[in-house]
Amino acid sequence: MFYSIGRFFVKIVYKCKFHIKVVGKENIPKEGGRIIASNHVSNFDPPMVGMLFKGECTFMAKEELFQKNRLFTWVLKHLHAFPIKRGARDTSGIDKAIEGLKKGMNFVIFPEGTRSKTGELGKPKSGVSLVAAQAGVDVVPVFIKYGKKKKFRTNAVVCIGEHIPAEKFSINIEERREIHRISNLIMGEIIKLKENAPDID
């Protein structure tokens, strides 16, 4: 209930703040249980992705966000965000992601592991591969780009790619080469979206 109300208000705020162009609407899944893998250039990204996809989404968020205050922590948890320690092998985060996927929720992840300050795509981490390999679900690649700030609204483009089928992730997670290969495969699809994304001002 809280999630639905929260998304409703996010849509109102984002429609006021952004002029959003969605490329690849036909690739938005009709049901949940997918991994949504996106680039990460702004704090606006998680709600942007969450409001465009049907059903509820879960999110990984850095542990520090849950230490700000009780109210903010309460909101994050009710929006299905869960903490993860960056730079550490936090298997609990992977378990929670898989648990949400099994319940039919989408899982939003940023393969680079952190926000890009330049807008350029970084190297993918292993998290997205580990979740994809163990969950056995499709991955939907996403690329987000923002225009320059203007007086009223900022232009934004969200490109949604074709699903990468779950069969591609049938690997031995003990093999580091395979983990890196899958991470690069997913990031490669995001790169393609970036290369074909329309220009915005």
N, C-alpha and C. Protein backbone atom coordinates (compact mmCIF):
# COMPACT_ATOMS: atom_id res chain seq x y z
N MET A 1 0.83 -1.21 0.00
CA MET A 1 0.00 0.00 0.00
C MET A 1 0.87 1.26 0.00
N PHE A 2 1.84 1.30 0.92
CA PHE A 2 2.72 2.46 1.02
C PHE A 2 3.51 2.64 -0.28
N TYR A 3 3.95 1.50 -0.86
CA TYR A 3 4.73 1.56 -2.10
C TYR A 3 3.91 2.19 -3.22
N SER A 4 2.67 1.78 -3.35
CA SER A 4 1.79 2.32 -4.41
C SER A 4 1.56 3.81 -4.23
N ILE A 5 1.34 4.23 -2.98
CA ILE A 5 1.14 5.65 -2.70
C ILE A 5 2.41 6.44 -3.00
N GLY A 6 3.55 5.87 -2.58
CA GLY A 6 4.83 6.52 -2.83
C GLY A 6 5.11 6.69 -4.31
N ARG A 7 4.82 5.65 -5.10
CA ARG A 7 5.06 5.74 -6.54
C ARG A 7 4.13 6.75 -7.19
N PHE A 8 2.91 6.84 -6.69
CA PHE A 8 1.96 7.81 -7.22
C PHE A 8 2.50 9.24 -7.06
N PHE A 9 3.02 9.54 -5.88
CA PHE A 9 3.55 10.88 -5.63
C PHE A 9 4.85 11.13 -6.39
N VAL A 10 5.66 10.07 -6.54
CA VAL A 10 6.89 10.20 -7.32
C VAL A 10 6.56 10.56 -8.77
N LYS A 11 5.55 9.93 -9.33
CA LYS A 11 5.16 10.22 -10.71
C LYS A 11 4.74 11.67 -10.87
N ILE A 12 4.01 12.19 -9.91
CA ILE A 12 3.57 13.59 -9.96
C ILE A 12 4.77 14.53 -9.91
N VAL A 13 5.67 14.26 -8.96
CA VAL A 13 6.86 15.11 -8.79
C VAL A 13 7.74 15.05 -10.04
N TYR A 14 7.96 13.85 -10.55
CA TYR A 14 8.84 13.67 -11.70
C TYR A 14 8.25 14.29 -12.97
N LYS A 15 6.93 14.24 -13.12
CA LYS A 15 6.31 14.86 -14.30
C LYS A 15 6.43 16.38 -14.24
N CYS A 16 6.49 16.91 -13.03
CA CYS A 16 6.67 18.35 -12.86
C CYS A 16 8.14 18.75 -13.08
N LYS A 17 9.04 17.89 -12.64
CA LYS A 17 10.47 18.21 -12.67
C LYS A 17 11.13 17.85 -13.99
N PHE A 18 10.66 16.78 -14.64
CA PHE A 18 11.30 16.28 -15.85
C PHE A 18 10.33 16.19 -17.03
N HIS A 19 10.91 16.35 -18.22
CA HIS A 19 10.21 15.99 -19.45
C HIS A 19 10.85 14.68 -19.89
N ILE A 20 10.16 13.57 -19.66
CA ILE A 20 10.75 12.24 -19.83
C ILE A 20 10.36 11.62 -21.16
N LYS A 21 11.37 11.21 -21.93
CA LYS A 21 11.14 10.48 -23.17
C LYS A 21 11.58 9.03 -22.95
N VAL A 22 10.68 8.10 -23.15
CA VAL A 22 11.00 6.68 -22.97
C VAL A 22 11.18 6.03 -24.34
N VAL A 23 12.33 5.44 -24.56
CA VAL A 23 12.62 4.72 -25.80
C VAL A 23 12.60 3.23 -25.49
N GLY A 24 11.83 2.47 -26.24
CA GLY A 24 11.74 1.03 -26.00
C GLY A 24 10.66 0.64 -25.03
N LYS A 25 9.55 1.38 -25.04
CA LYS A 25 8.43 1.06 -24.13
C LYS A 25 7.95 -0.38 -24.30
N GLU A 26 8.09 -0.90 -25.53
CA GLU A 26 7.62 -2.25 -25.79
C GLU A 26 8.42 -3.31 -25.03
N ASN A 27 9.58 -2.90 -24.51
CA ASN A 27 10.43 -3.83 -23.76
C ASN A 27 10.12 -3.85 -22.26
N ILE A 28 9.19 -3.01 -21.83
CA ILE A 28 8.79 -3.03 -20.42
C ILE A 28 7.99 -4.31 -20.17
N PRO A 29 8.45 -5.18 -19.28
CA PRO A 29 7.74 -6.44 -19.05
C PRO A 29 6.33 -6.22 -18.50
N LYS A 30 5.41 -7.08 -18.89
CA LYS A 30 4.03 -6.97 -18.45
C LYS A 30 3.84 -7.46 -17.02
N GLU A 31 4.85 -8.17 -16.51
CA GLU A 31 4.78 -8.65 -15.13
C GLU A 31 6.16 -8.51 -14.49
N GLY A 32 6.20 -8.71 -13.17
CA GLY A 32 7.45 -8.52 -12.44
C GLY A 32 8.36 -9.74 -12.49
N GLY A 33 9.30 -9.77 -11.53
CA GLY A 33 10.22 -10.89 -11.47
C GLY A 33 11.37 -10.79 -12.44
N ARG A 34 11.77 -9.57 -12.78
CA ARG A 34 12.90 -9.33 -13.68
C ARG A 34 13.99 -8.52 -12.97
N ILE A 35 15.21 -8.64 -13.45
CA ILE A 35 16.30 -7.80 -12.97
C ILE A 35 16.39 -6.60 -13.90
N ILE A 36 16.33 -5.40 -13.34
CA ILE A 36 16.46 -4.18 -14.12
C ILE A 36 17.86 -3.63 -13.88
N ALA A 37 18.71 -3.69 -14.89
CA ALA A 37 20.11 -3.27 -14.76
C ALA A 37 20.31 -1.94 -15.49
N SER A 38 20.64 -0.90 -14.74
CA SER A 38 20.73 0.45 -15.32
C SER A 38 22.05 1.12 -14.99
N ASN A 39 22.43 2.07 -15.84
CA ASN A 39 23.55 2.94 -15.49
C ASN A 39 23.10 3.85 -14.35
N HIS A 40 24.05 4.55 -13.73
CA HIS A 40 23.70 5.34 -12.55
C HIS A 40 24.45 6.68 -12.59
N VAL A 41 23.71 7.76 -12.88
CA VAL A 41 24.33 9.08 -12.99
C VAL A 41 23.73 10.10 -12.03
N SER A 42 22.64 9.74 -11.36
CA SER A 42 21.96 10.71 -10.50
C SER A 42 21.20 10.01 -9.38
N ASN A 43 20.98 10.73 -8.28
CA ASN A 43 20.15 10.20 -7.20
C ASN A 43 18.69 10.05 -7.63
N PHE A 44 18.35 10.66 -8.77
CA PHE A 44 16.98 10.56 -9.30
C PHE A 44 16.75 9.22 -10.00
N ASP A 45 17.81 8.46 -10.25
CA ASP A 45 17.70 7.23 -11.04
C ASP A 45 16.79 6.15 -10.44
N PRO A 46 16.96 5.79 -9.16
CA PRO A 46 16.12 4.70 -8.62
C PRO A 46 14.63 4.95 -8.75
N PRO A 47 14.11 6.13 -8.33
CA PRO A 47 12.68 6.38 -8.52
C PRO A 47 12.28 6.44 -10.00
N MET A 48 13.18 6.96 -10.84
CA MET A 48 12.90 7.06 -12.27
C MET A 48 12.63 5.66 -12.84
N VAL A 49 13.48 4.72 -12.51
CA VAL A 49 13.31 3.34 -12.99
C VAL A 49 12.08 2.70 -12.34
N GLY A 50 11.95 2.87 -11.04
CA GLY A 50 10.86 2.23 -10.31
C GLY A 50 9.48 2.63 -10.78
N MET A 51 9.32 3.88 -11.19
CA MET A 51 7.98 4.33 -11.58
C MET A 51 7.62 3.91 -13.00
N LEU A 52 8.62 3.58 -13.82
CA LEU A 52 8.35 3.22 -15.21
C LEU A 52 7.98 1.74 -15.37
N PHE A 53 8.47 0.91 -14.46
CA PHE A 53 8.22 -0.52 -14.58
C PHE A 53 6.99 -0.93 -13.76
N LYS A 54 6.24 -1.87 -14.29
CA LYS A 54 5.01 -2.32 -13.64
C LYS A 54 5.34 -3.17 -12.41
N GLY A 55 4.42 -3.18 -11.48
CA GLY A 55 4.63 -3.95 -10.27
C GLY A 55 5.57 -3.25 -9.30
N GLU A 56 5.95 -3.94 -8.25
CA GLU A 56 6.83 -3.37 -7.24
C GLU A 56 8.28 -3.75 -7.50
N CYS A 57 9.18 -2.89 -7.05
CA CYS A 57 10.61 -3.10 -7.24
C CYS A 57 11.33 -3.13 -5.91
N THR A 58 12.41 -3.88 -5.85
CA THR A 58 13.31 -3.83 -4.70
C THR A 58 14.60 -3.16 -5.16
N PHE A 59 15.31 -2.57 -4.21
CA PHE A 59 16.52 -1.81 -4.53
C PHE A 59 17.62 -2.09 -3.51
N MET A 60 18.85 -2.14 -3.98
CA MET A 60 20.00 -2.12 -3.08
C MET A 60 20.35 -0.66 -2.83
N ALA A 61 20.70 -0.32 -1.59
CA ALA A 61 21.11 1.04 -1.26
C ALA A 61 22.29 0.98 -0.29
N LYS A 62 23.19 1.92 -0.41
CA LYS A 62 24.37 1.90 0.46
C LYS A 62 23.95 2.01 1.92
N GLU A 63 24.67 1.32 2.77
CA GLU A 63 24.33 1.20 4.18
C GLU A 63 24.20 2.55 4.88
N GLU A 64 25.00 3.54 4.43
CA GLU A 64 25.01 4.85 5.08
C GLU A 64 23.64 5.54 5.02
N LEU A 65 22.87 5.27 3.98
CA LEU A 65 21.56 5.91 3.84
C LEU A 65 20.60 5.49 4.95
N PHE A 66 20.83 4.31 5.51
CA PHE A 66 19.94 3.80 6.55
C PHE A 66 20.36 4.28 7.94
N GLN A 67 21.39 5.14 7.97
CA GLN A 67 21.89 5.64 9.25
C GLN A 67 21.62 7.13 9.44
N LYS A 68 20.88 7.73 8.51
CA LYS A 68 20.61 9.17 8.58
C LYS A 68 19.65 9.49 9.72
N ASN A 69 18.46 8.96 9.66
CA ASN A 69 17.49 9.13 10.75
C ASN A 69 16.41 8.05 10.63
N ARG A 70 15.64 7.89 11.67
CA ARG A 70 14.66 6.81 11.72
C ARG A 70 13.57 6.94 10.66
N LEU A 71 13.12 8.17 10.42
CA LEU A 71 12.05 8.38 9.44
C LEU A 71 12.52 8.00 8.04
N PHE A 72 13.72 8.46 7.66
CA PHE A 72 14.25 8.16 6.33
C PHE A 72 14.46 6.65 6.17
N THR A 73 14.94 6.02 7.23
CA THR A 73 15.14 4.57 7.19
C THR A 73 13.81 3.85 7.01
N TRP A 74 12.78 4.32 7.71
CA TRP A 74 11.44 3.73 7.61
C TRP A 74 10.92 3.84 6.19
N VAL A 75 11.09 5.00 5.57
CA VAL A 75 10.63 5.22 4.19
C VAL A 75 11.37 4.29 3.24
N LEU A 76 12.69 4.21 3.37
CA LEU A 76 13.48 3.35 2.49
C LEU A 76 13.02 1.89 2.58
N LYS A 77 12.82 1.42 3.78
CA LYS A 77 12.41 0.02 3.96
C LYS A 77 11.03 -0.25 3.38
N HIS A 78 10.13 0.73 3.50
CA HIS A 78 8.78 0.55 2.97
C HIS A 78 8.72 0.73 1.45
N LEU A 79 9.81 1.23 0.88
CA LEU A 79 9.93 1.29 -0.58
C LEU A 79 10.76 0.12 -1.10
N HIS A 80 10.93 -0.88 -0.22
CA HIS A 80 11.61 -2.14 -0.56
C HIS A 80 13.11 -1.96 -0.84
N ALA A 81 13.71 -0.94 -0.24
CA ALA A 81 15.17 -0.79 -0.35
C ALA A 81 15.80 -1.53 0.83
N PHE A 82 16.97 -2.11 0.60
CA PHE A 82 17.67 -2.79 1.69
C PHE A 82 19.15 -2.41 1.65
N PRO A 83 19.79 -2.35 2.81
CA PRO A 83 21.17 -1.88 2.87
C PRO A 83 22.18 -2.90 2.40
N ILE A 84 23.27 -2.40 1.85
CA ILE A 84 24.38 -3.26 1.44
C ILE A 84 25.69 -2.53 1.73
N LYS A 85 26.66 -3.26 2.20
CA LYS A 85 27.97 -2.69 2.49
C LYS A 85 28.79 -2.65 1.21
N ARG A 86 29.16 -1.46 0.79
CA ARG A 86 29.96 -1.33 -0.42
C ARG A 86 31.40 -1.74 -0.13
N GLY A 87 32.00 -2.43 -1.10
CA GLY A 87 33.38 -2.86 -0.94
C GLY A 87 33.53 -4.12 -0.13
N ALA A 88 32.40 -4.71 0.27
CA ALA A 88 32.45 -5.96 1.04
C ALA A 88 31.59 -7.01 0.35
N ARG A 89 31.93 -8.25 0.58
CA ARG A 89 31.15 -9.35 -0.02
C ARG A 89 29.91 -9.58 0.84
N ASP A 90 28.87 -8.85 0.53
CA ASP A 90 27.64 -8.89 1.33
C ASP A 90 26.64 -9.82 0.66
N THR A 91 26.70 -11.08 1.05
CA THR A 91 25.82 -12.08 0.43
C THR A 91 24.37 -11.92 0.86
N SER A 92 24.14 -11.24 1.99
CA SER A 92 22.76 -11.04 2.45
C SER A 92 21.97 -10.19 1.46
N GLY A 93 22.65 -9.23 0.82
CA GLY A 93 22.00 -8.40 -0.18
C GLY A 93 21.56 -9.21 -1.39
N ILE A 94 22.40 -10.14 -1.80
CA ILE A 94 22.06 -11.01 -2.93
C ILE A 94 20.88 -11.90 -2.57
N ASP A 95 20.89 -12.40 -1.35
CA ASP A 95 19.78 -13.26 -0.88
C ASP A 95 18.46 -12.49 -0.88
N LYS A 96 18.50 -11.23 -0.43
CA LYS A 96 17.28 -10.42 -0.39
C LYS A 96 16.78 -10.11 -1.79
N ALA A 97 17.72 -9.87 -2.71
CA ALA A 97 17.33 -9.60 -4.09
C ALA A 97 16.63 -10.81 -4.70
N ILE A 98 17.19 -11.98 -4.48
CA ILE A 98 16.60 -13.21 -5.01
C ILE A 98 15.24 -13.49 -4.37
N GLU A 99 15.14 -13.22 -3.08
CA GLU A 99 13.88 -13.42 -2.37
C GLU A 99 12.76 -12.56 -2.97
N GLY A 100 13.09 -11.29 -3.28
CA GLY A 100 12.10 -10.41 -3.89
C GLY A 100 11.71 -10.87 -5.28
N LEU A 101 12.68 -11.35 -6.06
CA LEU A 101 12.40 -11.84 -7.41
C LEU A 101 11.47 -13.05 -7.37
N LYS A 102 11.67 -13.91 -6.40
CA LYS A 102 10.81 -15.09 -6.27
C LYS A 102 9.38 -14.70 -5.92
N LYS A 103 9.21 -13.54 -5.30
CA LYS A 103 7.88 -13.05 -4.95
C LYS A 103 7.22 -12.30 -6.11
N GLY A 104 7.95 -12.20 -7.23
CA GLY A 104 7.39 -11.53 -8.40
C GLY A 104 7.70 -10.05 -8.49
N MET A 105 8.61 -9.56 -7.64
CA MET A 105 9.00 -8.16 -7.71
C MET A 105 10.21 -8.00 -8.62
N ASN A 106 10.32 -6.86 -9.28
CA ASN A 106 11.51 -6.55 -10.04
C ASN A 106 12.63 -6.15 -9.09
N PHE A 107 13.86 -6.41 -9.50
CA PHE A 107 15.02 -6.00 -8.70
C PHE A 107 15.84 -5.01 -9.52
N VAL A 108 15.97 -3.78 -9.01
CA VAL A 108 16.72 -2.74 -9.70
C VAL A 108 18.15 -2.72 -9.17
N ILE A 109 19.11 -2.81 -10.08
CA ILE A 109 20.51 -2.79 -9.68
C ILE A 109 21.31 -1.94 -10.66
N PHE A 110 22.33 -1.28 -10.14
CA PHE A 110 23.23 -0.48 -10.96
C PHE A 110 24.56 -1.22 -11.01
N PRO A 111 24.84 -1.92 -12.13
CA PRO A 111 26.01 -2.80 -12.22
C PRO A 111 27.34 -2.14 -11.88
N GLU A 112 27.44 -0.82 -12.10
CA GLU A 112 28.71 -0.14 -11.81
C GLU A 112 28.97 -0.03 -10.31
N GLY A 113 27.93 -0.18 -9.51
CA GLY A 113 28.09 -0.18 -8.07
C GLY A 113 28.09 1.18 -7.41
N THR A 114 28.19 2.24 -8.21
CA THR A 114 28.20 3.59 -7.67
C THR A 114 27.78 4.57 -8.75
N ARG A 115 27.54 5.81 -8.34
CA ARG A 115 27.11 6.83 -9.28
C ARG A 115 28.31 7.34 -10.10
N SER A 116 28.09 7.55 -11.39
CA SER A 116 29.12 8.13 -12.25
C SER A 116 29.02 9.65 -12.21
N LYS A 117 30.09 10.32 -11.82
CA LYS A 117 30.09 11.77 -11.73
C LYS A 117 30.29 12.43 -13.09
N THR A 118 30.80 11.67 -14.05
CA THR A 118 31.09 12.21 -15.38
C THR A 118 30.04 11.84 -16.41
N GLY A 119 29.20 10.85 -16.08
CA GLY A 119 28.21 10.37 -17.04
C GLY A 119 28.73 9.21 -17.88
N GLU A 120 30.05 8.97 -17.78
CA GLU A 120 30.64 7.85 -18.53
C GLU A 120 30.35 6.54 -17.79
N LEU A 121 30.23 5.47 -18.55
CA LEU A 121 29.96 4.17 -17.96
C LEU A 121 31.25 3.57 -17.38
N GLY A 122 31.15 3.01 -16.17
CA GLY A 122 32.30 2.39 -15.53
C GLY A 122 32.28 0.88 -15.71
N LYS A 123 33.24 0.22 -15.09
CA LYS A 123 33.32 -1.23 -15.17
C LYS A 123 32.25 -1.86 -14.27
N PRO A 124 31.60 -2.91 -14.74
CA PRO A 124 30.55 -3.55 -13.92
C PRO A 124 31.16 -4.38 -12.79
N LYS A 125 30.44 -4.42 -11.68
CA LYS A 125 30.83 -5.26 -10.55
C LYS A 125 30.18 -6.64 -10.72
N SER A 126 30.48 -7.51 -9.77
CA SER A 126 30.00 -8.89 -9.88
C SER A 126 28.57 -9.10 -9.36
N GLY A 127 28.04 -8.10 -8.63
CA GLY A 127 26.73 -8.27 -8.01
C GLY A 127 25.62 -8.67 -8.97
N VAL A 128 25.54 -7.96 -10.09
CA VAL A 128 24.47 -8.24 -11.05
C VAL A 128 24.57 -9.65 -11.60
N SER A 129 25.80 -10.14 -11.81
CA SER A 129 25.99 -11.50 -12.33
C SER A 129 25.58 -12.55 -11.32
N LEU A 130 25.95 -12.32 -10.06
CA LEU A 130 25.64 -13.29 -9.01
C LEU A 130 24.13 -13.43 -8.82
N VAL A 131 23.43 -12.30 -8.85
CA VAL A 131 21.98 -12.35 -8.71
C VAL A 131 21.35 -13.03 -9.92
N ALA A 132 21.78 -12.64 -11.11
CA ALA A 132 21.20 -13.20 -12.34
C ALA A 132 21.43 -14.70 -12.44
N ALA A 133 22.64 -15.15 -12.07
CA ALA A 133 22.97 -16.57 -12.18
C ALA A 133 22.17 -17.41 -11.19
N GLN A 134 21.94 -16.88 -10.00
CA GLN A 134 21.25 -17.66 -8.97
C GLN A 134 19.72 -17.53 -9.04
N ALA A 135 19.25 -16.40 -9.55
CA ALA A 135 17.79 -16.20 -9.63
C ALA A 135 17.19 -16.86 -10.86
N GLY A 136 17.97 -16.95 -11.95
CA GLY A 136 17.47 -17.58 -13.16
C GLY A 136 16.33 -16.82 -13.80
N VAL A 137 16.47 -15.48 -13.89
CA VAL A 137 15.43 -14.65 -14.51
C VAL A 137 16.05 -13.77 -15.58
N ASP A 138 15.19 -13.19 -16.42
CA ASP A 138 15.67 -12.29 -17.47
C ASP A 138 16.21 -11.00 -16.87
N VAL A 139 17.12 -10.37 -17.61
CA VAL A 139 17.64 -9.06 -17.24
C VAL A 139 17.20 -8.04 -18.28
N VAL A 140 16.69 -6.91 -17.83
CA VAL A 140 16.28 -5.83 -18.74
C VAL A 140 17.29 -4.69 -18.60
N PRO A 141 18.08 -4.41 -19.67
CA PRO A 141 19.05 -3.32 -19.60
C PRO A 141 18.38 -1.96 -19.77
N VAL A 142 18.88 -0.97 -19.05
CA VAL A 142 18.32 0.39 -19.09
C VAL A 142 19.45 1.41 -19.14
N PHE A 143 19.24 2.46 -19.93
CA PHE A 143 20.20 3.58 -19.95
C PHE A 143 19.44 4.87 -19.73
N ILE A 144 19.92 5.68 -18.78
CA ILE A 144 19.29 6.95 -18.44
C ILE A 144 20.23 8.10 -18.75
N LYS A 145 19.67 9.17 -19.32
CA LYS A 145 20.46 10.36 -19.62
C LYS A 145 19.63 11.61 -19.32
N TYR A 146 20.28 12.60 -18.72
CA TYR A 146 19.61 13.85 -18.37
C TYR A 146 20.21 15.01 -19.17
N GLY A 147 19.34 15.97 -19.49
CA GLY A 147 19.81 17.18 -20.15
C GLY A 147 20.27 18.21 -19.12
N LYS A 148 20.54 19.40 -19.59
CA LYS A 148 20.98 20.47 -18.67
C LYS A 148 19.79 20.98 -17.86
N LYS A 149 20.09 21.45 -16.67
CA LYS A 149 19.04 22.00 -15.81
C LYS A 149 18.50 23.27 -16.41
N LYS A 150 17.16 23.38 -16.43
CA LYS A 150 16.50 24.58 -16.95
C LYS A 150 15.62 25.17 -15.86
N LYS A 151 14.95 26.26 -16.16
CA LYS A 151 14.14 26.94 -15.15
C LYS A 151 13.03 26.06 -14.60
N PHE A 152 12.35 25.36 -15.50
CA PHE A 152 11.18 24.61 -15.07
C PHE A 152 11.42 23.10 -15.06
N ARG A 153 11.67 22.53 -16.23
CA ARG A 153 11.84 21.08 -16.30
C ARG A 153 13.13 20.71 -17.00
N THR A 154 13.66 19.56 -16.62
CA THR A 154 14.88 19.02 -17.24
C THR A 154 14.50 17.88 -18.16
N ASN A 155 15.07 17.87 -19.35
CA ASN A 155 14.83 16.77 -20.27
C ASN A 155 15.53 15.51 -19.77
N ALA A 156 14.89 14.38 -19.94
CA ALA A 156 15.49 13.10 -19.56
C ALA A 156 15.08 12.03 -20.57
N VAL A 157 16.00 11.14 -20.87
CA VAL A 157 15.73 10.02 -21.77
C VAL A 157 16.00 8.72 -21.02
N VAL A 158 15.04 7.81 -21.10
CA VAL A 158 15.21 6.48 -20.52
C VAL A 158 15.08 5.47 -21.65
N CYS A 159 16.17 4.76 -21.95
CA CYS A 159 16.17 3.76 -23.01
C CYS A 159 16.08 2.37 -22.38
N ILE A 160 15.10 1.60 -22.83
CA ILE A 160 14.88 0.26 -22.28
C ILE A 160 15.15 -0.76 -23.38
N GLY A 161 16.08 -1.65 -23.12
CA GLY A 161 16.50 -2.61 -24.12
C GLY A 161 15.74 -3.92 -24.08
N GLU A 162 16.00 -4.76 -25.05
CA GLU A 162 15.38 -6.09 -25.10
C GLU A 162 15.89 -6.94 -23.95
N HIS A 163 15.05 -7.84 -23.49
CA HIS A 163 15.42 -8.70 -22.38
C HIS A 163 16.60 -9.59 -22.75
N ILE A 164 17.52 -9.76 -21.81
CA ILE A 164 18.57 -10.76 -21.96
C ILE A 164 18.03 -12.02 -21.28
N PRO A 165 17.83 -13.11 -22.03
CA PRO A 165 17.16 -14.29 -21.46
C PRO A 165 17.95 -14.96 -20.34
N ALA A 166 17.20 -15.56 -19.42
CA ALA A 166 17.80 -16.18 -18.24
C ALA A 166 18.81 -17.28 -18.60
N GLU A 167 18.61 -17.93 -19.76
CA GLU A 167 19.52 -19.01 -20.15
C GLU A 167 20.96 -18.54 -20.28
N LYS A 168 21.13 -17.26 -20.57
CA LYS A 168 22.48 -16.70 -20.73
C LYS A 168 23.27 -16.71 -19.42
N PHE A 169 22.55 -16.83 -18.30
CA PHE A 169 23.20 -16.71 -17.00
C PHE A 169 23.37 -18.05 -16.30
N SER A 170 23.22 -19.13 -17.04
CA SER A 170 23.38 -20.46 -16.48
C SER A 170 24.87 -20.79 -16.40
N ILE A 171 25.51 -20.35 -15.31
CA ILE A 171 26.96 -20.50 -15.17
C ILE A 171 27.30 -21.03 -13.78
N ASN A 172 28.57 -21.39 -13.62
CA ASN A 172 29.10 -21.79 -12.32
C ASN A 172 29.60 -20.52 -11.62
N ILE A 173 28.93 -20.11 -10.54
CA ILE A 173 29.28 -18.85 -9.89
C ILE A 173 30.63 -18.91 -9.17
N GLU A 174 31.22 -20.11 -9.09
CA GLU A 174 32.56 -20.22 -8.50
C GLU A 174 33.64 -19.84 -9.50
N GLU A 175 33.27 -19.76 -10.76
CA GLU A 175 34.23 -19.40 -11.81
C GLU A 175 34.23 -17.88 -12.00
N ARG A 176 35.30 -17.21 -11.57
CA ARG A 176 35.37 -15.75 -11.65
C ARG A 176 35.31 -15.27 -13.10
N ARG A 177 35.90 -16.01 -14.01
CA ARG A 177 35.87 -15.62 -15.43
C ARG A 177 34.44 -15.56 -15.94
N GLU A 178 33.64 -16.53 -15.53
CA GLU A 178 32.25 -16.58 -15.96
C GLU A 178 31.46 -15.41 -15.36
N ILE A 179 31.73 -15.09 -14.12
CA ILE A 179 31.07 -13.97 -13.46
C ILE A 179 31.40 -12.67 -14.20
N HIS A 180 32.67 -12.46 -14.51
CA HIS A 180 33.08 -11.26 -15.23
C HIS A 180 32.47 -11.22 -16.63
N ARG A 181 32.39 -12.39 -17.27
CA ARG A 181 31.83 -12.45 -18.63
C ARG A 181 30.36 -12.02 -18.63
N ILE A 182 29.61 -12.51 -17.64
CA ILE A 182 28.20 -12.15 -17.57
C ILE A 182 28.02 -10.67 -17.25
N SER A 183 28.83 -10.15 -16.32
CA SER A 183 28.76 -8.73 -15.99
C SER A 183 29.03 -7.87 -17.22
N ASN A 184 30.04 -8.27 -17.99
CA ASN A 184 30.38 -7.52 -19.20
C ASN A 184 29.31 -7.66 -20.28
N LEU A 185 28.66 -8.81 -20.32
CA LEU A 185 27.56 -9.02 -21.28
C LEU A 185 26.43 -8.04 -20.99
N ILE A 186 26.05 -7.93 -19.72
CA ILE A 186 24.96 -7.03 -19.32
C ILE A 186 25.36 -5.58 -19.56
N MET A 187 26.58 -5.22 -19.17
CA MET A 187 27.04 -3.85 -19.38
C MET A 187 27.14 -3.54 -20.87
N GLY A 188 27.48 -4.54 -21.67
CA GLY A 188 27.57 -4.34 -23.11
C GLY A 188 26.23 -3.92 -23.71
N GLU A 189 25.13 -4.47 -23.19
CA GLU A 189 23.80 -4.10 -23.67
C GLU A 189 23.44 -2.67 -23.25
N ILE A 190 23.90 -2.26 -22.06
CA ILE A 190 23.67 -0.88 -21.62
C ILE A 190 24.47 0.08 -22.49
N ILE A 191 25.69 -0.32 -22.86
CA ILE A 191 26.52 0.50 -23.75
C ILE A 191 25.84 0.70 -25.10
N LYS A 192 25.24 -0.37 -25.63
CA LYS A 192 24.52 -0.27 -26.91
C LYS A 192 23.37 0.74 -26.82
N LEU A 193 22.67 0.71 -25.69
CA LEU A 193 21.57 1.65 -25.49
C LEU A 193 22.10 3.09 -25.46
N LYS A 194 23.24 3.27 -24.81
CA LYS A 194 23.84 4.60 -24.75
C LYS A 194 24.22 5.10 -26.15
N GLU A 195 24.81 4.21 -26.94
CA GLU A 195 25.27 4.58 -28.27
C GLU A 195 24.11 4.97 -29.19
N ASN A 196 22.94 4.40 -28.94
CA ASN A 196 21.77 4.67 -29.80
C ASN A 196 20.76 5.63 -29.16
N ALA A 197 21.10 6.15 -27.99
CA ALA A 197 20.18 7.05 -27.31
C ALA A 197 20.07 8.37 -28.06
N PRO A 198 18.88 8.94 -28.16
CA PRO A 198 18.71 10.24 -28.84
C PRO A 198 19.38 11.36 -28.07
N ASP A 199 19.79 12.38 -28.79
CA ASP A 199 20.41 13.55 -28.15
C ASP A 199 19.35 14.37 -27.44
N ILE A 200 19.75 14.98 -26.33
CA ILE A 200 18.85 15.90 -25.60
C ILE A 200 19.66 17.11 -25.17
N ASP A 201 18.94 18.23 -24.95
CA ASP A 201 19.64 19.44 -24.49
C ASP A 201 19.28 19.72 -23.04
